[in-house]
């Protein structure tokens, strides 16, 4: 992609509305733009990040045996009344009436809709287990939307729902999804903790949150220094946990950003909605459920909160909008020719490259490159070419290597293959 053709309007000044690091940097880097309070448009750079997070989610969920569906965002009042949540959910549930005066809501979550789908099509134990997911836009009418993609009203979410014949079988799916989530966030290049959490408005009897560690995180979590046990600090205080209840070792406090949560629901939705199945003996039983959510945009924003410096974003390679940015610095025939050959060579090797072909100064190009935060930067300049070399710089850590022109693509491919495979 050529930067001169990319719709990425960068900003030199930070918009007054931006409170968090990720909000400021996504606005300045031309990745998102505000349409209304808590409602954002994704520009090409931001959308590329979102799509990469989604790709990782799909690959891991499909490997775990889940199947993708897509449910309506609009749901009728009657469905939510079956579970009693129409009256309990509060003003965050955006309600409206159609031309026939029938009441509907925009989906903030889809337990009722997915349960309705399954109860209409699953009748026997032979149809189970079932694990269905979607990646879809949600809407929650937050009283105070803020922090950009961290707490918006409209947002992209992956929600997944499992259905099985017994508590024992359902808990096995819960554990499988728990492990799948760990793979997803590790593949996104994030440092995170998994902690026990409350079930909130979703309900159920067991839940874990996946918290990306960042000093700007809203949540306080406690994690054992020895084993993997962790818990939301508020919950741990209520339960009187001063040491790890599993191994007795010290608990360490972290600030975290919740990017995902898993719930064991049991029959909370299936029983009131009469989502039953016939077992081997012909007895009617309620389907046992689990629920698993990931905030897609929130994951991208959390990655920035965890990976940035004073100059801009430092994207983890797996979710970066491009792998490498190519910067030809001078308007010189040799520089232009070399940059063009490298650009074509990188594309041939399937390396995602953004070339800054604008007629801007080196200073402007460097500033924008730091702001956007692409992991690798190739700099082509007159001085280096005289020695037959170009500069390869890593955005994280700033390590610089001078590499022969004909070797740089191979060197970069070796680095990318190693990192992406890991």
Protein backbone atom coordinates (compact mmCIF):
# COMPACT_ATOMS: atom_id res chain seq x y z
CA UNK A 1 0.00 0.00 0.00
CA UNK A 2 1.23 3.50 -0.80
CA UNK A 3 0.80 6.01 1.99
CA UNK A 4 -0.08 8.73 -0.53
CA UNK A 5 -3.18 6.71 -1.44
CA UNK A 6 -4.09 5.59 2.09
CA UNK A 7 -6.94 7.31 3.92
CA UNK A 8 -5.07 7.89 7.17
CA UNK A 9 -5.45 11.53 8.26
CA UNK A 10 -2.89 11.88 11.06
CA UNK A 11 -3.11 14.67 13.63
CA UNK A 12 -0.28 16.64 15.20
CA UNK A 13 -2.38 17.79 18.17
CA UNK A 14 -4.33 15.56 20.53
CA UNK A 15 -8.12 16.11 20.39
CA UNK A 16 -9.52 17.49 23.64
CA UNK A 17 -12.04 14.62 23.90
CA UNK A 18 -9.33 11.94 24.19
CA UNK A 19 -8.67 10.82 27.77
CA UNK A 20 -6.68 7.60 27.46
CA UNK A 21 -3.47 6.79 25.62
CA UNK A 22 -5.17 4.43 23.17
CA UNK A 23 -7.93 6.95 22.43
CA UNK A 24 -5.40 9.74 21.79
CA UNK A 25 -3.11 7.65 19.63
CA UNK A 26 -5.85 5.99 17.55
CA UNK A 27 -7.27 9.44 16.76
CA UNK A 28 -3.86 10.95 16.01
CA UNK A 29 -2.76 7.98 13.89
CA UNK A 30 -5.89 8.26 11.73
CA UNK A 31 -7.35 4.91 12.81
CA UNK A 32 -10.74 5.98 14.17
CA UNK A 33 -13.01 9.01 14.07
CA UNK A 34 -15.91 9.90 16.35
CA UNK A 35 -19.41 10.05 14.87
CA UNK A 36 -21.37 10.46 18.11
CA UNK A 37 -20.77 9.87 21.82
CA UNK A 38 -19.36 6.35 22.11
CA UNK A 39 -19.80 5.66 18.38
CA UNK A 40 -16.75 5.50 16.09
CA UNK A 41 -15.90 4.92 12.45
CA UNK A 42 -12.96 2.64 11.70
CA UNK A 43 -10.57 4.02 9.09
CA UNK A 44 -8.39 1.68 6.96
CA UNK A 45 -5.46 1.38 9.40
CA UNK A 46 -7.74 0.76 12.36
CA UNK A 47 -9.87 -1.70 10.42
CA UNK A 48 -6.81 -3.72 9.42
CA UNK A 49 -5.98 -4.17 13.11
CA UNK A 50 -9.57 -5.16 13.91
CA UNK A 51 -9.59 -7.70 11.08
CA UNK A 52 -6.35 -9.26 12.34
CA UNK A 53 -7.75 -9.67 15.84
CA UNK A 54 -10.88 -11.22 14.32
CA UNK A 55 -8.78 -13.58 12.18
CA UNK A 56 -6.90 -14.89 15.21
CA UNK A 57 -10.19 -15.36 17.09
CA UNK A 58 -11.75 -17.27 14.18
CA UNK A 59 -8.74 -19.52 13.70
CA UNK A 60 -8.56 -20.51 17.36
CA UNK A 61 -12.32 -20.95 17.82
CA UNK A 62 -12.63 -23.02 14.66
CA UNK A 63 -9.74 -25.19 15.86
CA UNK A 64 -11.58 -25.63 19.18
CA UNK A 65 -14.64 -26.93 17.33
CA UNK A 66 -16.85 -23.84 17.48
CA UNK A 67 -18.95 -22.85 14.46
CA UNK A 68 -19.61 -19.30 13.27
CA UNK A 69 -23.12 -17.91 12.89
CA UNK A 70 -24.50 -14.39 12.58
CA UNK A 71 -27.56 -13.37 14.58
CA UNK A 72 -29.78 -10.31 14.10
CA UNK A 73 -28.76 -7.22 16.05
CA UNK A 74 -32.46 -6.37 16.59
CA UNK A 75 -34.46 -8.60 18.96
CA UNK A 76 -38.14 -8.56 19.99
CA UNK A 77 -39.21 -7.62 23.51
CA UNK A 78 -41.01 -10.95 23.96
CA UNK A 79 -37.76 -12.90 23.77
CA UNK A 80 -36.17 -10.88 26.56
CA UNK A 81 -39.31 -11.12 28.66
CA UNK A 82 -38.93 -14.90 28.74
CA UNK A 83 -35.77 -14.55 30.84
CA UNK A 84 -36.99 -11.51 32.78
CA UNK A 85 -34.15 -9.35 31.46
CA UNK A 86 -36.37 -6.86 29.61
CA UNK A 87 -37.22 -5.19 32.89
CA UNK A 88 -33.95 -5.89 34.70
CA UNK A 89 -31.31 -4.82 32.20
CA UNK A 90 -31.76 -1.10 32.74
CA UNK A 91 -31.31 1.92 30.49
CA UNK A 92 -28.22 0.41 28.82
CA UNK A 93 -30.68 -1.65 26.77
CA UNK A 94 -31.63 0.55 23.81
CA UNK A 95 -35.33 -0.02 23.18
CA UNK A 96 -37.46 1.17 20.27
CA UNK A 97 -40.79 0.55 18.53
CA UNK A 98 -41.37 -0.30 14.89
CA UNK A 99 -44.15 1.16 12.72
CA UNK A 100 -46.60 -1.40 14.11
CA UNK A 101 -45.85 -0.24 17.67
CA UNK A 102 -44.06 -3.51 18.50
CA UNK A 103 -41.15 -3.21 20.92
CA UNK A 104 -37.61 -4.28 20.10
CA UNK A 105 -34.09 -3.74 21.40
CA UNK A 106 -30.62 -3.46 19.90
CA UNK A 107 -28.57 -6.41 21.12
CA UNK A 108 -26.05 -5.66 23.85
CA UNK A 109 -25.56 -9.43 24.15
CA UNK A 110 -27.29 -12.41 22.57
CA UNK A 111 -28.10 -15.11 25.12
CA UNK A 112 -31.83 -14.97 24.37
CA UNK A 113 -31.42 -14.97 20.59
CA UNK A 114 -28.97 -17.88 20.49
CA UNK A 115 -31.05 -19.91 22.95
CA UNK A 116 -34.12 -19.35 20.78
CA UNK A 117 -32.20 -20.55 17.73
CA UNK A 118 -31.01 -23.71 19.47
CA UNK A 119 -34.32 -24.62 21.14
CA UNK A 120 -36.01 -24.49 17.75
CA UNK A 121 -33.54 -26.88 16.16
CA UNK A 122 -32.08 -29.12 18.88
CA UNK A 123 -34.38 -31.84 20.23
CA UNK A 124 -32.18 -34.78 21.16
CA UNK A 125 -28.96 -35.52 23.04
CA UNK A 126 -27.65 -36.66 19.65
CA UNK A 127 -27.66 -32.99 18.53
CA UNK A 128 -25.31 -31.99 21.34
CA UNK A 129 -22.73 -30.70 22.17
CA UNK A 130 -22.92 -27.50 20.16
CA UNK A 131 -20.67 -24.42 20.31
CA UNK A 132 -21.71 -21.40 18.24
CA UNK A 133 -20.05 -17.99 17.95
CA UNK A 134 -20.44 -14.72 16.10
CA UNK A 135 -18.43 -11.54 15.59
CA UNK A 136 -20.93 -8.73 15.48
CA UNK A 137 -21.68 -5.12 16.32
CA UNK A 138 -23.36 -4.61 19.71
CA UNK A 139 -24.95 -1.57 21.29
CA UNK A 140 -25.11 -0.69 24.98
CA UNK A 141 -26.43 2.75 25.86
CA UNK A 142 -23.70 3.56 28.39
CA UNK A 143 -24.54 6.47 30.66
CA UNK A 144 -21.03 7.86 30.20
CA UNK A 145 -19.25 6.51 27.13
CA UNK A 146 -15.55 7.34 27.24
CA UNK A 147 -12.02 6.24 26.44
CA UNK A 148 -12.64 5.69 22.73
CA UNK A 149 -12.93 1.98 21.94
CA UNK A 150 -12.44 1.06 25.59
CA UNK A 151 -15.96 2.01 26.66
CA UNK A 152 -18.10 2.80 23.65
CA UNK A 153 -21.81 2.44 23.11
CA UNK A 154 -21.45 0.71 19.76
CA UNK A 155 -18.69 -1.89 19.63
CA UNK A 156 -17.57 -5.10 17.92
CA UNK A 157 -17.78 -8.20 20.06
CA UNK A 158 -17.14 -11.89 19.64
CA UNK A 159 -19.73 -13.80 21.63
CA UNK A 160 -19.81 -17.57 21.81
CA UNK A 161 -22.34 -19.94 23.40
CA UNK A 162 -21.96 -23.61 24.23
CA UNK A 163 -24.78 -26.13 24.68
CA UNK A 164 -24.40 -29.57 26.24
CA UNK A 165 -26.23 -32.40 28.01
CA UNK A 166 -24.87 -32.08 31.56
CA UNK A 167 -22.99 -29.86 33.98
CA UNK A 168 -19.91 -32.09 33.74
CA UNK A 169 -19.86 -31.96 29.94
CA UNK A 170 -20.54 -28.21 29.89
CA UNK A 171 -17.69 -27.51 32.29
CA UNK A 172 -15.34 -29.38 29.97
CA UNK A 173 -16.30 -26.99 27.16
CA UNK A 174 -15.83 -24.08 29.59
CA UNK A 175 -12.29 -25.28 30.32
CA UNK A 176 -11.58 -25.76 26.61
CA UNK A 177 -12.73 -22.22 25.87
CA UNK A 178 -10.68 -20.96 28.82
CA UNK A 179 -7.56 -22.47 27.24
CA UNK A 180 -8.58 -21.23 23.78
CA UNK A 181 -8.82 -17.67 25.11
CA UNK A 182 -5.31 -17.92 26.49
CA UNK A 183 -4.09 -18.91 23.02
CA UNK A 184 -6.00 -16.04 21.39
CA UNK A 185 -4.55 -13.31 23.59
CA UNK A 186 -1.05 -14.83 23.48
CA UNK A 187 -1.24 -14.85 19.66
CA UNK A 188 -2.28 -11.19 19.76
CA UNK A 189 1.06 -10.50 21.46
CA UNK A 190 -0.48 -9.40 24.77
CA UNK A 191 0.67 -9.86 28.36
CA UNK A 192 -2.37 -10.77 30.46
CA UNK A 193 -3.68 -12.40 33.63
CA UNK A 194 -6.73 -14.62 34.07
CA UNK A 195 -8.76 -13.93 37.21
CA UNK A 196 -11.97 -15.15 38.81
CA UNK A 197 -14.75 -12.59 38.42
CA UNK A 198 -18.39 -11.81 39.11
CA UNK A 199 -21.05 -12.78 36.59
CA UNK A 200 -22.90 -9.41 36.45
CA UNK A 201 -25.94 -9.04 34.22
CA UNK A 202 -24.99 -12.12 32.15
CA UNK A 203 -25.46 -14.40 35.15
CA UNK A 204 -24.32 -17.94 35.88
CA UNK A 205 -22.31 -19.47 38.70
CA UNK A 206 -18.71 -19.22 37.47
CA UNK A 207 -16.74 -16.66 35.50
CA UNK A 208 -13.18 -15.66 34.62
CA UNK A 209 -11.89 -12.40 33.16
CA UNK A 210 -8.89 -12.01 30.87
CA UNK A 211 -7.08 -8.85 31.89
CA UNK A 212 -4.41 -7.20 29.72
CA UNK A 213 -1.86 -5.69 32.10
CA UNK A 214 -1.39 -1.93 31.77
CA UNK A 215 -0.78 0.87 34.23
CA UNK A 216 -3.79 2.70 32.81
CA UNK A 217 -6.13 -0.24 33.46
CA UNK A 218 -9.42 0.47 35.24
CA UNK A 219 -9.48 -2.85 37.09
CA UNK A 220 -7.41 -3.94 40.07
CA UNK A 221 -6.61 -7.65 40.01
CA UNK A 222 -4.67 -9.93 42.34
CA UNK A 223 -2.56 -12.78 41.00
CA UNK A 224 -0.53 -15.44 42.78
CA UNK A 225 3.25 -15.11 42.40
CA UNK A 226 3.59 -18.90 42.26
CA UNK A 227 0.58 -20.51 40.57
CA UNK A 228 -1.86 -19.16 37.96
CA UNK A 229 -4.68 -18.31 40.40
CA UNK A 230 -6.03 -14.77 40.28
CA UNK A 231 -9.11 -12.82 41.27
CA UNK A 232 -10.68 -9.43 40.85
CA UNK A 233 -9.40 -7.42 43.85
CA UNK A 234 -12.88 -6.40 44.97
CA UNK A 235 -13.99 -10.03 45.02
CA UNK A 236 -10.82 -11.15 46.78
CA UNK A 237 -11.34 -8.51 49.48
CA UNK A 238 -14.96 -9.60 49.99
CA UNK A 239 -13.86 -13.24 50.33
CA UNK A 240 -10.98 -12.32 52.67
CA UNK A 241 -8.21 -13.70 50.44
CA UNK A 242 -4.91 -12.26 51.69
CA UNK A 243 -2.90 -15.20 50.36
CA UNK A 244 -3.46 -17.53 47.41
CA UNK A 245 -6.25 -19.95 48.43
CA UNK A 246 -4.65 -22.66 46.25
CA UNK A 247 -0.99 -22.64 47.30
CA UNK A 248 -0.81 -20.10 50.15
CA UNK A 249 1.74 -17.90 48.38
CA UNK A 250 1.78 -14.10 48.11
CA UNK A 251 -0.71 -12.21 45.94
CA UNK A 252 0.56 -9.41 43.70
CA UNK A 253 -1.64 -6.53 42.55
CA UNK A 254 -1.85 -5.43 38.91
CA UNK A 255 -3.83 -2.92 36.90
CA UNK A 256 -5.72 -4.57 34.09
CA UNK A 257 -8.01 -3.96 31.13
CA UNK A 258 -10.69 -6.59 30.71
CA UNK A 259 -10.71 -7.83 27.10
CA UNK A 260 -12.57 -11.10 27.50
CA UNK A 261 -14.78 -13.01 29.92
CA UNK A 262 -16.09 -16.57 30.09
CA UNK A 263 -19.22 -17.65 31.98
CA UNK A 264 -20.61 -20.99 33.07
CA UNK A 265 -24.36 -20.34 32.72
CA UNK A 266 -25.86 -23.71 33.59
CA UNK A 267 -29.60 -23.57 32.87
CA UNK A 268 -30.09 -19.85 33.59
CA UNK A 269 -31.40 -19.21 30.06
CA UNK A 270 -32.36 -22.66 28.81
CA UNK A 271 -34.81 -23.44 31.63
CA UNK A 272 -37.00 -20.30 31.47
CA UNK A 273 -36.89 -20.38 27.66
CA UNK A 274 -37.77 -24.09 27.59
CA UNK A 275 -34.69 -25.08 25.62
CA UNK A 276 -34.99 -28.78 26.40
CA UNK A 277 -33.66 -32.01 24.88
CA UNK A 278 -34.51 -35.68 25.24
CA UNK A 279 -31.78 -37.81 26.84
CA UNK A 280 -30.96 -41.46 26.04
CA UNK A 281 -33.92 -42.64 28.15
CA UNK A 282 -36.37 -40.22 26.58
CA UNK A 283 -36.43 -37.87 29.58
CA UNK A 284 -36.78 -34.15 28.93
CA UNK A 285 -33.94 -32.03 30.36
CA UNK A 286 -32.80 -28.41 30.02
CA UNK A 287 -29.71 -27.80 27.90
CA UNK A 288 -26.66 -26.73 29.93
CA UNK A 289 -24.95 -23.59 28.62
CA UNK A 290 -21.77 -21.54 28.71
CA UNK A 291 -21.06 -18.05 27.34
CA UNK A 292 -17.75 -16.56 26.16
CA UNK A 293 -17.11 -12.96 25.06
CA UNK A 294 -14.22 -10.93 23.64
CA UNK A 295 -14.26 -7.20 22.97
CA UNK A 296 -12.54 -6.96 19.58
CA UNK A 297 -12.01 -3.18 19.48
CA UNK A 298 -11.24 -3.21 23.18
CA UNK A 299 -8.49 -5.78 22.55
CA UNK A 300 -6.92 -3.48 19.94
CA UNK A 301 -7.11 -0.50 22.31
CA UNK A 302 -5.67 -2.54 25.19
CA UNK A 303 -2.74 -3.52 22.98
CA UNK A 304 -1.93 0.18 22.58
CA UNK A 305 -2.29 0.86 26.31
CA UNK A 306 0.29 -1.89 26.88
CA UNK A 307 2.55 -1.06 23.91
CA UNK A 308 3.44 2.58 23.27
CA UNK A 309 6.04 5.24 24.00
CA UNK A 310 6.16 9.04 23.90
CA UNK A 311 6.24 8.98 20.10
CA UNK A 312 3.29 6.73 19.37
CA UNK A 313 2.01 3.18 19.09
CA UNK A 314 4.21 0.07 19.14
CA UNK A 315 1.99 -2.62 17.62
CA UNK A 316 2.56 -6.28 18.49
CA UNK A 317 3.48 -7.87 15.17
CA UNK A 318 0.47 -10.27 14.88
CA UNK A 319 -2.10 -7.45 14.93
CA UNK A 320 -0.09 -4.60 13.38
CA UNK A 321 -1.79 -2.94 10.38
CA UNK A 322 1.33 -3.69 8.29
CA UNK A 323 4.50 -5.67 8.99
CA UNK A 324 6.93 -3.09 7.63
CA UNK A 325 6.96 0.54 6.58
CA UNK A 326 9.27 1.51 3.73
CA UNK A 327 10.65 5.06 3.86
CA UNK A 328 12.52 6.48 0.83
CA UNK A 329 13.99 9.73 2.16
CA UNK A 330 15.35 11.80 -0.72
CA UNK A 331 13.92 12.66 -4.12
CA UNK A 332 16.80 10.89 -5.80
CA UNK A 333 16.53 8.50 -8.78
CA UNK A 334 18.62 5.80 -7.05
CA UNK A 335 16.54 6.05 -3.86
CA UNK A 336 13.27 5.88 -5.80
CA UNK A 337 14.41 2.92 -7.89
CA UNK A 338 15.71 0.96 -4.89
CA UNK A 339 12.58 1.66 -2.86
CA UNK A 340 10.34 0.55 -5.73
CA UNK A 341 12.27 -2.71 -6.15
CA UNK A 342 12.08 -3.38 -2.40
CA UNK A 343 8.37 -2.57 -2.38
CA UNK A 344 7.68 -5.07 -5.15
CA UNK A 345 9.99 -7.67 -3.61
CA UNK A 346 8.28 -7.42 -0.21
CA UNK A 347 4.85 -7.79 -1.80
CA UNK A 348 6.07 -10.83 -3.76
CA UNK A 349 7.11 -12.44 -0.44
CA UNK A 350 3.64 -11.72 1.01
CA UNK A 351 5.14 -9.27 3.51
CA UNK A 352 2.60 -6.57 4.31
CA UNK A 353 4.30 -3.30 3.40
CA UNK A 354 3.28 0.34 3.58
CA UNK A 355 5.52 2.68 1.55
CA UNK A 356 5.64 6.35 2.46
CA UNK A 357 5.94 7.72 -1.07
CA UNK A 358 4.86 11.25 -0.07
CA UNK A 359 7.01 14.26 -0.93
CA UNK A 360 7.47 15.10 2.75
CA UNK A 361 10.62 15.76 4.74
CA UNK A 362 12.43 12.92 6.50
CA UNK A 363 11.35 14.40 9.84
CA UNK A 364 7.65 14.25 8.94
CA UNK A 365 7.98 10.69 7.66
CA UNK A 366 9.77 9.54 10.80
CA UNK A 367 7.21 11.18 13.08
CA UNK A 368 4.27 9.60 11.27
CA UNK A 369 6.01 6.21 11.23
CA UNK A 370 6.57 6.36 14.99
CA UNK A 371 2.98 7.47 15.55
CA UNK A 372 1.43 4.67 13.47
CA UNK A 373 3.72 2.12 15.10
CA UNK A 374 4.38 -0.49 12.40
CA UNK A 375 6.87 -3.03 13.86
CA UNK A 376 9.66 -2.74 11.24
CA UNK A 377 10.94 0.20 9.24
CA UNK A 378 13.18 0.10 6.18
CA UNK A 379 14.87 3.43 5.46
CA UNK A 380 16.34 4.03 2.01
CA UNK A 381 18.65 7.07 1.82
CA UNK A 382 21.31 8.43 -0.49
CA UNK A 383 24.13 8.06 2.05
CA UNK A 384 23.44 4.41 2.77
CA UNK A 385 23.00 3.49 -0.88
CA UNK A 386 26.50 4.78 -1.65
CA UNK A 387 27.72 1.98 0.65
CA UNK A 388 25.21 -0.51 -0.76
CA UNK A 389 23.24 -0.66 2.48
CA UNK A 390 19.90 0.36 3.91
CA UNK A 391 18.59 0.70 7.46
CA UNK A 392 16.26 -1.80 9.14
CA UNK A 393 14.84 -0.49 12.41
CA UNK A 394 12.61 -2.21 14.95
CA UNK A 395 9.89 0.03 16.38
CA UNK A 396 10.06 -1.75 19.72
CA UNK A 397 13.41 -1.06 21.35
CA UNK A 398 14.71 0.97 18.41
CA UNK A 399 17.35 -1.56 17.33
CA UNK A 400 18.95 -0.50 14.01
CA UNK A 401 20.78 -2.74 11.53
CA UNK A 402 22.58 -1.70 8.35
CA UNK A 403 21.95 -4.44 5.82
CA UNK A 404 23.02 -4.91 2.18
CA UNK A 405 20.20 -3.95 -0.15
CA UNK A 406 19.92 -7.41 -1.70
CA UNK A 407 19.77 -9.10 1.74
CA UNK A 408 17.19 -7.00 3.56
CA UNK A 409 14.07 -8.84 2.32
CA UNK A 410 15.51 -12.21 3.27
CA UNK A 411 16.57 -10.92 6.69
CA UNK A 412 13.16 -9.40 7.34
CA UNK A 413 11.31 -12.51 6.14
CA UNK A 414 13.39 -14.64 8.51
CA UNK A 415 12.46 -12.40 11.45
CA UNK A 416 8.76 -12.31 10.54
CA UNK A 417 8.48 -16.06 9.96
CA UNK A 418 10.06 -16.74 13.35
CA UNK A 419 7.91 -14.26 15.26
CA UNK A 420 4.60 -15.04 13.56
CA UNK A 421 5.16 -18.79 13.93
CA UNK A 422 5.71 -18.30 17.66
